[in-house]
């Protein structure tokens, strides 16, 4: 029986052409992906700024400061003791050695931003709901008081002149 199989060497022109085509295809894919990464990275700063601005409005309106999980900042501050997002949108980081660092919300990287959002949005929602209920109750009481006091304005003047 005769063996018709061929052994192709790296010097074979057909292999070289396929290899060149494969290389060009990989380069094309790499360039496309790199351009997409560039576009996404360019937009990332803009999105972080938009989120930061909105969160600052929420925090300022609700007048609330929130404790953040240490793990979000552990990489940058290995000796972190606590992290607090204050109502001005500043993140106050207290380290084990007593040093205090302040970071603006807009200075967070996209990973930190997403982790902070996961931590604070439920807390902000709870706080907003509680605050709304308090204001609603207060307004209902004030409306009743105003209604009662309105009677004073409707009373006819006393005939005796006193």
N, C-alpha and C. Protein backbone atom coordinates (compact mmCIF):
# COMPACT_ATOMS: atom_id res chain seq x y z
N UNK A 1 0.84 -1.16 0.00
CA UNK A 1 0.00 0.00 0.00
C UNK A 1 0.89 1.23 0.00
N UNK A 2 0.54 2.13 -0.84
CA UNK A 2 1.35 3.32 -1.00
C UNK A 2 0.80 4.43 -0.12
N UNK A 3 1.66 5.17 0.60
CA UNK A 3 1.26 6.29 1.46
C UNK A 3 1.24 7.56 0.62
N UNK A 4 0.02 8.11 0.44
CA UNK A 4 -0.12 9.33 -0.37
C UNK A 4 -0.04 10.60 0.47
N UNK A 5 0.10 10.48 1.76
CA UNK A 5 0.13 11.67 2.60
C UNK A 5 1.40 12.46 2.34
N UNK A 6 1.28 13.75 2.46
CA UNK A 6 2.42 14.62 2.24
C UNK A 6 2.80 15.26 3.56
N UNK A 7 4.03 15.46 3.70
CA UNK A 7 4.52 16.19 4.85
C UNK A 7 4.82 17.59 4.35
N UNK A 8 4.12 18.55 4.96
CA UNK A 8 4.32 19.93 4.53
C UNK A 8 5.34 20.59 5.44
N UNK A 9 6.25 21.22 4.83
CA UNK A 9 7.27 21.91 5.63
C UNK A 9 6.86 23.38 5.80
N UNK A 10 7.51 24.04 6.73
CA UNK A 10 7.25 25.46 6.95
C UNK A 10 7.63 26.29 5.73
N UNK A 11 8.39 25.70 4.85
CA UNK A 11 8.82 26.42 3.66
C UNK A 11 7.81 26.30 2.52
N UNK A 12 6.77 25.52 2.73
CA UNK A 12 5.76 25.33 1.70
C UNK A 12 5.07 26.66 1.41
N UNK A 13 5.00 27.08 0.15
CA UNK A 13 4.38 28.37 -0.20
C UNK A 13 2.90 28.46 0.17
N UNK A 14 2.17 27.33 0.13
CA UNK A 14 0.76 27.35 0.51
C UNK A 14 0.59 27.65 1.99
N UNK A 15 1.44 27.03 2.81
CA UNK A 15 1.39 27.30 4.25
C UNK A 15 1.77 28.75 4.54
N UNK A 16 2.76 29.24 3.83
CA UNK A 16 3.20 30.62 4.03
C UNK A 16 2.08 31.59 3.70
N UNK A 17 1.34 31.34 2.63
CA UNK A 17 0.26 32.22 2.24
C UNK A 17 -0.86 32.18 3.29
N UNK A 18 -1.21 30.96 3.75
CA UNK A 18 -2.23 30.83 4.79
C UNK A 18 -1.78 31.52 6.07
N UNK A 19 -0.52 31.38 6.39
CA UNK A 19 0.03 32.00 7.59
C UNK A 19 -0.01 33.52 7.48
N UNK A 20 0.33 34.03 6.31
CA UNK A 20 0.28 35.49 6.09
C UNK A 20 -1.15 36.00 6.19
N UNK A 21 -2.10 35.28 5.60
CA UNK A 21 -3.50 35.67 5.65
C UNK A 21 -4.01 35.64 7.09
N UNK A 22 -3.61 34.62 7.82
CA UNK A 22 -4.00 34.50 9.22
C UNK A 22 -3.43 35.66 10.04
N UNK A 23 -2.17 35.98 9.78
CA UNK A 23 -1.53 37.10 10.49
C UNK A 23 -2.24 38.41 10.19
N UNK A 24 -2.55 38.64 8.92
CA UNK A 24 -3.25 39.87 8.54
C UNK A 24 -4.64 39.94 9.17
N UNK A 25 -5.31 38.81 9.23
CA UNK A 25 -6.62 38.74 9.87
C UNK A 25 -6.51 39.05 11.37
N UNK A 26 -5.49 38.52 12.01
CA UNK A 26 -5.29 38.79 13.44
C UNK A 26 -4.97 40.26 13.68
N UNK A 27 -4.15 40.84 12.79
CA UNK A 27 -3.82 42.27 12.92
C UNK A 27 -5.07 43.11 12.75
N UNK A 28 -5.89 42.76 11.77
CA UNK A 28 -7.13 43.49 11.53
C UNK A 28 -8.04 43.44 12.76
N UNK A 29 -8.17 42.26 13.33
CA UNK A 29 -8.99 42.09 14.53
C UNK A 29 -8.41 42.88 15.71
N UNK A 30 -7.10 42.82 15.86
CA UNK A 30 -6.44 43.54 16.94
C UNK A 30 -6.64 45.06 16.82
N UNK A 31 -6.51 45.57 15.61
CA UNK A 31 -6.70 47.01 15.38
C UNK A 31 -8.14 47.40 15.69
N UNK A 32 -9.10 46.60 15.23
CA UNK A 32 -10.52 46.89 15.51
C UNK A 32 -10.80 46.91 17.01
N UNK A 33 -10.31 45.92 17.71
CA UNK A 33 -10.54 45.85 19.16
C UNK A 33 -9.86 47.01 19.88
N UNK A 34 -8.67 47.36 19.46
CA UNK A 34 -7.95 48.47 20.08
C UNK A 34 -8.68 49.78 19.86
N UNK A 35 -9.21 49.98 18.68
CA UNK A 35 -9.98 51.20 18.40
C UNK A 35 -11.25 51.26 19.26
N UNK A 36 -11.91 50.11 19.43
CA UNK A 36 -13.10 50.07 20.28
C UNK A 36 -12.74 50.37 21.73
N UNK A 37 -11.62 49.83 22.19
CA UNK A 37 -11.16 50.10 23.56
C UNK A 37 -10.89 51.59 23.72
N UNK A 38 -10.25 52.19 22.74
CA UNK A 38 -9.95 53.62 22.77
C UNK A 38 -11.24 54.44 22.87
N UNK A 39 -12.22 54.10 22.03
CA UNK A 39 -13.50 54.82 22.05
C UNK A 39 -14.21 54.66 23.40
N UNK A 40 -14.22 53.45 23.92
CA UNK A 40 -14.87 53.21 25.21
C UNK A 40 -14.16 53.96 26.34
N UNK A 41 -12.85 53.94 26.32
CA UNK A 41 -12.07 54.62 27.34
C UNK A 41 -12.30 56.13 27.28
N UNK A 42 -12.42 56.66 26.07
CA UNK A 42 -12.68 58.08 25.90
C UNK A 42 -14.04 58.47 26.49
N UNK A 43 -15.01 57.62 26.30
CA UNK A 43 -16.36 57.90 26.80
C UNK A 43 -16.47 57.65 28.30
N UNK A 44 -15.59 56.81 28.83
CA UNK A 44 -15.64 56.43 30.24
C UNK A 44 -15.55 57.65 31.16
N UNK A 45 -14.63 58.55 30.88
CA UNK A 45 -14.47 59.74 31.72
C UNK A 45 -15.73 60.61 31.68
N UNK A 46 -16.34 60.71 30.52
CA UNK A 46 -17.57 61.50 30.38
C UNK A 46 -18.71 60.89 31.19
N UNK A 47 -18.83 59.59 31.13
CA UNK A 47 -19.89 58.89 31.87
C UNK A 47 -19.66 59.02 33.38
N UNK A 48 -18.41 58.88 33.81
CA UNK A 48 -18.09 59.02 35.23
C UNK A 48 -18.45 60.42 35.71
N UNK A 49 -18.16 61.43 34.91
CA UNK A 49 -18.50 62.82 35.26
C UNK A 49 -20.02 63.00 35.38
N UNK A 50 -20.78 62.41 34.45
CA UNK A 50 -22.24 62.50 34.50
C UNK A 50 -22.80 61.83 35.75
N UNK A 51 -22.31 60.64 36.03
CA UNK A 51 -22.77 59.92 37.22
C UNK A 51 -22.40 60.70 38.48
N UNK A 52 -21.20 61.23 38.51
CA UNK A 52 -20.73 62.00 39.66
C UNK A 52 -21.63 63.20 39.91
N UNK A 53 -21.95 63.92 38.87
CA UNK A 53 -22.81 65.10 39.00
C UNK A 53 -24.18 64.72 39.55
N UNK A 54 -24.75 63.65 39.04
CA UNK A 54 -26.08 63.21 39.51
C UNK A 54 -26.04 62.72 40.96
N UNK A 55 -25.01 61.96 41.31
CA UNK A 55 -24.89 61.47 42.68
C UNK A 55 -24.70 62.65 43.64
N UNK A 56 -23.93 63.65 43.23
CA UNK A 56 -23.73 64.82 44.09
C UNK A 56 -25.06 65.52 44.38
N UNK A 57 -25.91 65.61 43.37
CA UNK A 57 -27.23 66.23 43.56
C UNK A 57 -28.06 65.41 44.54
N UNK A 58 -28.06 64.09 44.36
CA UNK A 58 -28.82 63.22 45.26
C UNK A 58 -28.32 63.33 46.70
N UNK A 59 -27.01 63.25 46.88
CA UNK A 59 -26.43 63.31 48.23
C UNK A 59 -26.72 64.65 48.89
N UNK A 60 -26.60 65.72 48.12
CA UNK A 60 -26.83 67.06 48.66
C UNK A 60 -28.30 67.25 49.02
N UNK A 61 -29.19 66.77 48.18
CA UNK A 61 -30.63 66.89 48.44
C UNK A 61 -31.03 66.08 49.67
N UNK A 62 -30.51 64.88 49.76
CA UNK A 62 -30.87 64.00 50.88
C UNK A 62 -30.07 64.30 52.14
N UNK A 63 -29.02 65.10 52.01
CA UNK A 63 -28.17 65.47 53.15
C UNK A 63 -27.76 64.23 53.94
N UNK A 64 -27.11 63.32 53.23
CA UNK A 64 -26.75 62.04 53.84
C UNK A 64 -25.30 61.70 53.51
N UNK A 65 -24.64 61.06 54.45
CA UNK A 65 -23.31 60.49 54.25
C UNK A 65 -23.43 58.99 54.45
N UNK A 66 -22.69 58.22 53.66
CA UNK A 66 -22.84 56.77 53.69
C UNK A 66 -21.51 56.05 53.86
N UNK A 67 -21.53 55.02 54.67
CA UNK A 67 -20.36 54.15 54.86
C UNK A 67 -20.20 53.30 53.60
N UNK A 68 -18.97 53.14 53.14
CA UNK A 68 -18.67 52.33 51.96
C UNK A 68 -17.87 51.09 52.36
N UNK A 69 -18.02 50.00 51.61
CA UNK A 69 -17.22 48.81 51.89
C UNK A 69 -15.72 49.09 51.69
N UNK A 70 -14.89 48.61 52.61
CA UNK A 70 -13.43 48.80 52.52
C UNK A 70 -12.86 48.20 51.25
N UNK A 71 -13.43 47.09 50.83
CA UNK A 71 -12.87 46.32 49.71
C UNK A 71 -12.75 47.14 48.43
N UNK A 72 -13.58 48.16 48.28
CA UNK A 72 -13.55 48.98 47.07
C UNK A 72 -12.20 49.70 46.92
N UNK A 73 -11.63 50.08 48.05
CA UNK A 73 -10.40 50.89 48.03
C UNK A 73 -9.18 50.16 48.58
N UNK A 74 -9.34 48.87 48.87
CA UNK A 74 -8.27 48.07 49.48
C UNK A 74 -7.00 48.07 48.64
N UNK A 75 -7.13 48.02 47.33
CA UNK A 75 -5.97 47.97 46.45
C UNK A 75 -5.14 49.25 46.56
N UNK A 76 -5.80 50.41 46.58
CA UNK A 76 -5.11 51.69 46.65
C UNK A 76 -4.67 52.04 48.07
N UNK A 77 -5.43 51.57 49.05
CA UNK A 77 -5.15 51.87 50.46
C UNK A 77 -5.22 50.57 51.27
N UNK A 78 -4.13 49.81 51.28
CA UNK A 78 -4.15 48.50 51.94
C UNK A 78 -4.49 48.55 53.43
N UNK A 79 -4.18 49.65 54.10
CA UNK A 79 -4.44 49.72 55.55
C UNK A 79 -5.74 50.48 55.87
N UNK A 80 -6.68 50.49 54.92
CA UNK A 80 -7.92 51.24 55.10
C UNK A 80 -8.71 50.75 56.32
N UNK A 81 -9.20 51.72 57.11
CA UNK A 81 -10.05 51.39 58.26
C UNK A 81 -11.51 51.69 57.95
N UNK A 82 -11.75 52.81 57.24
CA UNK A 82 -13.12 53.14 56.87
C UNK A 82 -13.14 54.05 55.66
N UNK A 83 -14.27 54.03 54.97
CA UNK A 83 -14.49 54.89 53.81
C UNK A 83 -15.92 55.41 53.89
N UNK A 84 -16.04 56.73 53.76
CA UNK A 84 -17.34 57.37 53.87
C UNK A 84 -17.55 58.27 52.66
N UNK A 85 -18.71 58.16 52.05
CA UNK A 85 -19.12 59.06 50.98
C UNK A 85 -19.97 60.14 51.64
N UNK A 86 -19.46 61.38 51.66
CA UNK A 86 -20.21 62.44 52.34
C UNK A 86 -21.19 63.11 51.38
N UNK A 87 -22.01 64.03 51.92
CA UNK A 87 -23.06 64.63 51.11
C UNK A 87 -22.54 65.63 50.08
N UNK A 88 -21.24 65.87 50.07
CA UNK A 88 -20.62 66.72 49.04
C UNK A 88 -20.03 65.89 47.91
N UNK A 89 -20.14 64.58 48.01
CA UNK A 89 -19.59 63.70 46.99
C UNK A 89 -18.12 63.40 47.17
N UNK A 90 -17.60 63.69 48.36
CA UNK A 90 -16.21 63.36 48.66
C UNK A 90 -16.18 62.01 49.36
N UNK A 91 -15.14 61.26 49.07
CA UNK A 91 -14.95 59.99 49.75
C UNK A 91 -13.80 60.19 50.73
N UNK A 92 -14.11 60.03 52.00
CA UNK A 92 -13.13 60.20 53.07
C UNK A 92 -12.62 58.81 53.43
N UNK A 93 -11.32 58.63 53.30
CA UNK A 93 -10.70 57.33 53.56
C UNK A 93 -9.78 57.46 54.77
N UNK A 94 -10.11 56.74 55.82
CA UNK A 94 -9.29 56.72 57.03
C UNK A 94 -8.44 55.46 56.99
N UNK A 95 -7.13 55.65 57.10
CA UNK A 95 -6.21 54.52 57.05
C UNK A 95 -5.79 54.11 58.46
N UNK A 96 -5.28 52.92 58.57
CA UNK A 96 -4.86 52.36 59.85
C UNK A 96 -3.78 53.18 60.54
N UNK A 97 -2.96 53.88 59.78
CA UNK A 97 -1.89 54.69 60.38
C UNK A 97 -2.37 56.08 60.79
N UNK A 98 -3.67 56.34 60.65
CA UNK A 98 -4.23 57.63 61.04
C UNK A 98 -4.32 58.63 59.90
N UNK A 99 -3.70 58.34 58.77
CA UNK A 99 -3.78 59.24 57.62
C UNK A 99 -5.20 59.26 57.07
N UNK A 100 -5.61 60.44 56.64
CA UNK A 100 -6.93 60.61 56.04
C UNK A 100 -6.73 61.10 54.61
N UNK A 101 -7.35 60.41 53.68
CA UNK A 101 -7.29 60.80 52.28
C UNK A 101 -8.70 61.16 51.83
N UNK A 102 -8.78 62.16 50.96
CA UNK A 102 -10.05 62.55 50.39
C UNK A 102 -9.98 62.36 48.89
N UNK A 103 -11.00 61.75 48.35
CA UNK A 103 -11.07 61.49 46.92
C UNK A 103 -12.41 62.00 46.42
N UNK A 104 -12.39 62.76 45.34
CA UNK A 104 -13.64 63.21 44.73
C UNK A 104 -14.30 62.03 44.02
N UNK A 105 -15.62 62.03 44.01
CA UNK A 105 -16.37 60.95 43.36
C UNK A 105 -15.93 60.80 41.91
N UNK A 106 -15.70 61.91 41.23
CA UNK A 106 -15.33 61.88 39.82
C UNK A 106 -13.93 61.32 39.59
N UNK A 107 -13.14 61.16 40.66
CA UNK A 107 -11.78 60.61 40.54
C UNK A 107 -11.76 59.08 40.60
N UNK A 108 -12.92 58.48 40.83
CA UNK A 108 -12.98 57.02 40.90
C UNK A 108 -12.75 56.42 39.52
N UNK A 109 -12.13 55.24 39.50
CA UNK A 109 -12.05 54.53 38.23
C UNK A 109 -13.38 53.79 38.02
N UNK A 110 -13.57 53.23 36.84
CA UNK A 110 -14.86 52.63 36.52
C UNK A 110 -15.20 51.45 37.44
N UNK A 111 -14.21 50.67 37.85
CA UNK A 111 -14.47 49.57 38.77
C UNK A 111 -14.96 50.11 40.11
N UNK A 112 -14.25 51.09 40.67
CA UNK A 112 -14.63 51.66 41.96
C UNK A 112 -16.01 52.31 41.86
N UNK A 113 -16.25 53.02 40.77
CA UNK A 113 -17.54 53.68 40.58
C UNK A 113 -18.68 52.66 40.61
N UNK A 114 -18.52 51.57 39.87
CA UNK A 114 -19.60 50.57 39.84
C UNK A 114 -19.80 49.93 41.21
N UNK A 115 -18.72 49.69 41.95
CA UNK A 115 -18.84 49.10 43.28
C UNK A 115 -19.50 50.08 44.26
N UNK A 116 -19.13 51.35 44.18
CA UNK A 116 -19.75 52.37 45.04
C UNK A 116 -21.24 52.47 44.72
N UNK A 117 -21.59 52.46 43.44
CA UNK A 117 -23.00 52.56 43.06
C UNK A 117 -23.80 51.38 43.60
N UNK A 118 -23.23 50.18 43.52
CA UNK A 118 -23.92 49.00 44.05
C UNK A 118 -24.13 49.12 45.56
N UNK A 119 -23.21 49.78 46.23
CA UNK A 119 -23.31 49.93 47.68
C UNK A 119 -24.26 51.05 48.09
N UNK A 120 -24.27 52.17 47.36
CA UNK A 120 -25.02 53.34 47.83
C UNK A 120 -26.43 53.48 47.29
N UNK A 121 -26.70 52.98 46.10
CA UNK A 121 -28.04 53.18 45.52
C UNK A 121 -29.15 52.60 46.42
N UNK A 122 -29.03 51.38 46.93
CA UNK A 122 -30.10 50.90 47.83
C UNK A 122 -30.23 51.77 49.08
N UNK A 123 -29.10 52.22 49.63
CA UNK A 123 -29.14 53.07 50.84
C UNK A 123 -29.77 54.42 50.52
N UNK A 124 -29.42 54.99 49.37
CA UNK A 124 -30.02 56.27 48.97
C UNK A 124 -31.52 56.12 48.75
N UNK A 125 -31.93 55.00 48.16
CA UNK A 125 -33.36 54.74 47.95
C UNK A 125 -34.11 54.65 49.26
N UNK A 126 -33.54 53.93 50.22
CA UNK A 126 -34.17 53.82 51.55
C UNK A 126 -34.26 55.19 52.22
N UNK A 127 -33.17 55.95 52.12
CA UNK A 127 -33.13 57.28 52.75
C UNK A 127 -34.14 58.22 52.10
N UNK A 128 -34.23 58.18 50.77
CA UNK A 128 -35.17 59.04 50.06
C UNK A 128 -36.61 58.69 50.44
N UNK A 129 -36.91 57.40 50.54
CA UNK A 129 -38.24 56.97 50.91
C UNK A 129 -38.60 57.45 52.32
N UNK A 130 -37.68 57.27 53.24
CA UNK A 130 -37.90 57.71 54.62
C UNK A 130 -38.09 59.22 54.68
N UNK A 131 -37.25 59.95 53.98
CA UNK A 131 -37.34 61.41 53.99
C UNK A 131 -38.67 61.88 53.37
N UNK A 132 -39.08 61.25 52.29
CA UNK A 132 -40.34 61.60 51.63
C UNK A 132 -41.51 61.37 52.59
N UNK A 133 -41.50 60.24 53.30
CA UNK A 133 -42.58 59.95 54.25
C UNK A 133 -42.61 60.99 55.37
N UNK A 134 -41.44 61.37 55.87
CA UNK A 134 -41.38 62.39 56.93
C UNK A 134 -41.94 63.71 56.44
N UNK A 135 -41.57 64.12 55.24
CA UNK A 135 -42.04 65.39 54.69
C UNK A 135 -43.54 65.33 54.42
N UNK A 136 -44.00 64.19 53.91
CA UNK A 136 -45.43 64.02 53.63
C UNK A 136 -46.23 64.13 54.93
N UNK A 137 -45.78 63.47 55.99
CA UNK A 137 -46.47 63.54 57.29
C UNK A 137 -46.45 64.97 57.82
N UNK A 138 -45.31 65.62 57.71
CA UNK A 138 -45.19 67.00 58.20
C UNK A 138 -46.11 67.94 57.42
N UNK A 139 -46.17 67.75 56.10
CA UNK A 139 -47.03 68.60 55.28
C UNK A 139 -48.51 68.34 55.59
N UNK A 140 -48.89 67.11 55.86
CA UNK A 140 -50.28 66.81 56.21
C UNK A 140 -50.65 67.50 57.51
N UNK A 141 -49.75 67.47 58.48
CA UNK A 141 -50.00 68.15 59.75
C UNK A 141 -50.10 69.65 59.54
N UNK A 142 -49.20 70.22 58.77
CA UNK A 142 -49.23 71.66 58.51
C UNK A 142 -50.49 72.08 57.76
N UNK A 143 -50.95 71.24 56.85
CA UNK A 143 -52.19 71.54 56.12
C UNK A 143 -53.38 71.58 57.08
N UNK A 144 -53.41 70.65 58.04
CA UNK A 144 -54.48 70.65 59.04
C UNK A 144 -54.40 71.88 59.92
N UNK A 145 -53.19 72.24 60.32
CA UNK A 145 -53.00 73.44 61.15
C UNK A 145 -53.46 74.67 60.38
N UNK A 146 -53.07 74.77 59.11
CA UNK A 146 -53.46 75.92 58.28
C UNK A 146 -54.98 76.00 58.15
N UNK A 147 -55.62 74.84 57.98
CA UNK A 147 -57.08 74.81 57.86
C UNK A 147 -57.73 75.30 59.15
N UNK A 148 -57.20 74.83 60.29
CA UNK A 148 -57.75 75.27 61.57
C UNK A 148 -57.55 76.77 61.78
N UNK A 149 -56.38 77.24 61.44
CA UNK A 149 -56.09 78.67 61.64
C UNK A 149 -56.82 79.55 60.65
N UNK A 150 -57.23 79.01 59.52
CA UNK A 150 -57.97 79.78 58.53
C UNK A 150 -59.30 80.25 59.11
N UNK A 151 -59.81 79.51 60.06
CA UNK A 151 -61.06 79.91 60.71
C UNK A 151 -60.92 81.27 61.39
N UNK A 152 -59.73 81.57 61.86
CA UNK A 152 -59.51 82.86 62.51
C UNK A 152 -59.77 83.99 61.54
N UNK A 153 -59.41 83.83 60.30
CA UNK A 153 -59.58 84.88 59.30
C UNK A 153 -61.03 85.07 58.90
N UNK A 154 -61.86 84.04 59.06
CA UNK A 154 -63.25 84.08 58.62
C UNK A 154 -64.18 84.60 59.73
N UNK A 155 -63.73 84.63 60.96
CA UNK A 155 -64.56 85.07 62.09
C UNK A 155 -65.02 86.51 61.86
N UNK A 156 -66.33 86.78 62.02
CA UNK A 156 -66.81 88.17 61.89
C UNK A 156 -66.25 89.00 63.05
N UNK A 157 -66.02 90.26 62.77
CA UNK A 157 -65.50 91.12 63.85
C UNK A 157 -66.51 91.18 65.00
N UNK A 158 -65.99 91.32 66.20
CA UNK A 158 -66.82 91.40 67.42
C UNK A 158 -67.58 92.73 67.40
N UNK A 159 -68.88 92.70 67.63
CA UNK A 159 -69.75 93.86 67.62
C UNK A 159 -69.47 94.80 68.78
N UNK A 160 -68.89 94.29 69.84
CA UNK A 160 -68.69 95.14 71.01
C UNK A 160 -67.52 96.08 70.82
N UNK A 161 -66.74 95.89 69.76
CA UNK A 161 -65.60 96.77 69.53
C UNK A 161 -64.36 96.38 70.29
N UNK A 162 -64.41 95.30 70.99
CA UNK A 162 -63.24 94.85 71.75
C UNK A 162 -62.44 93.88 70.93
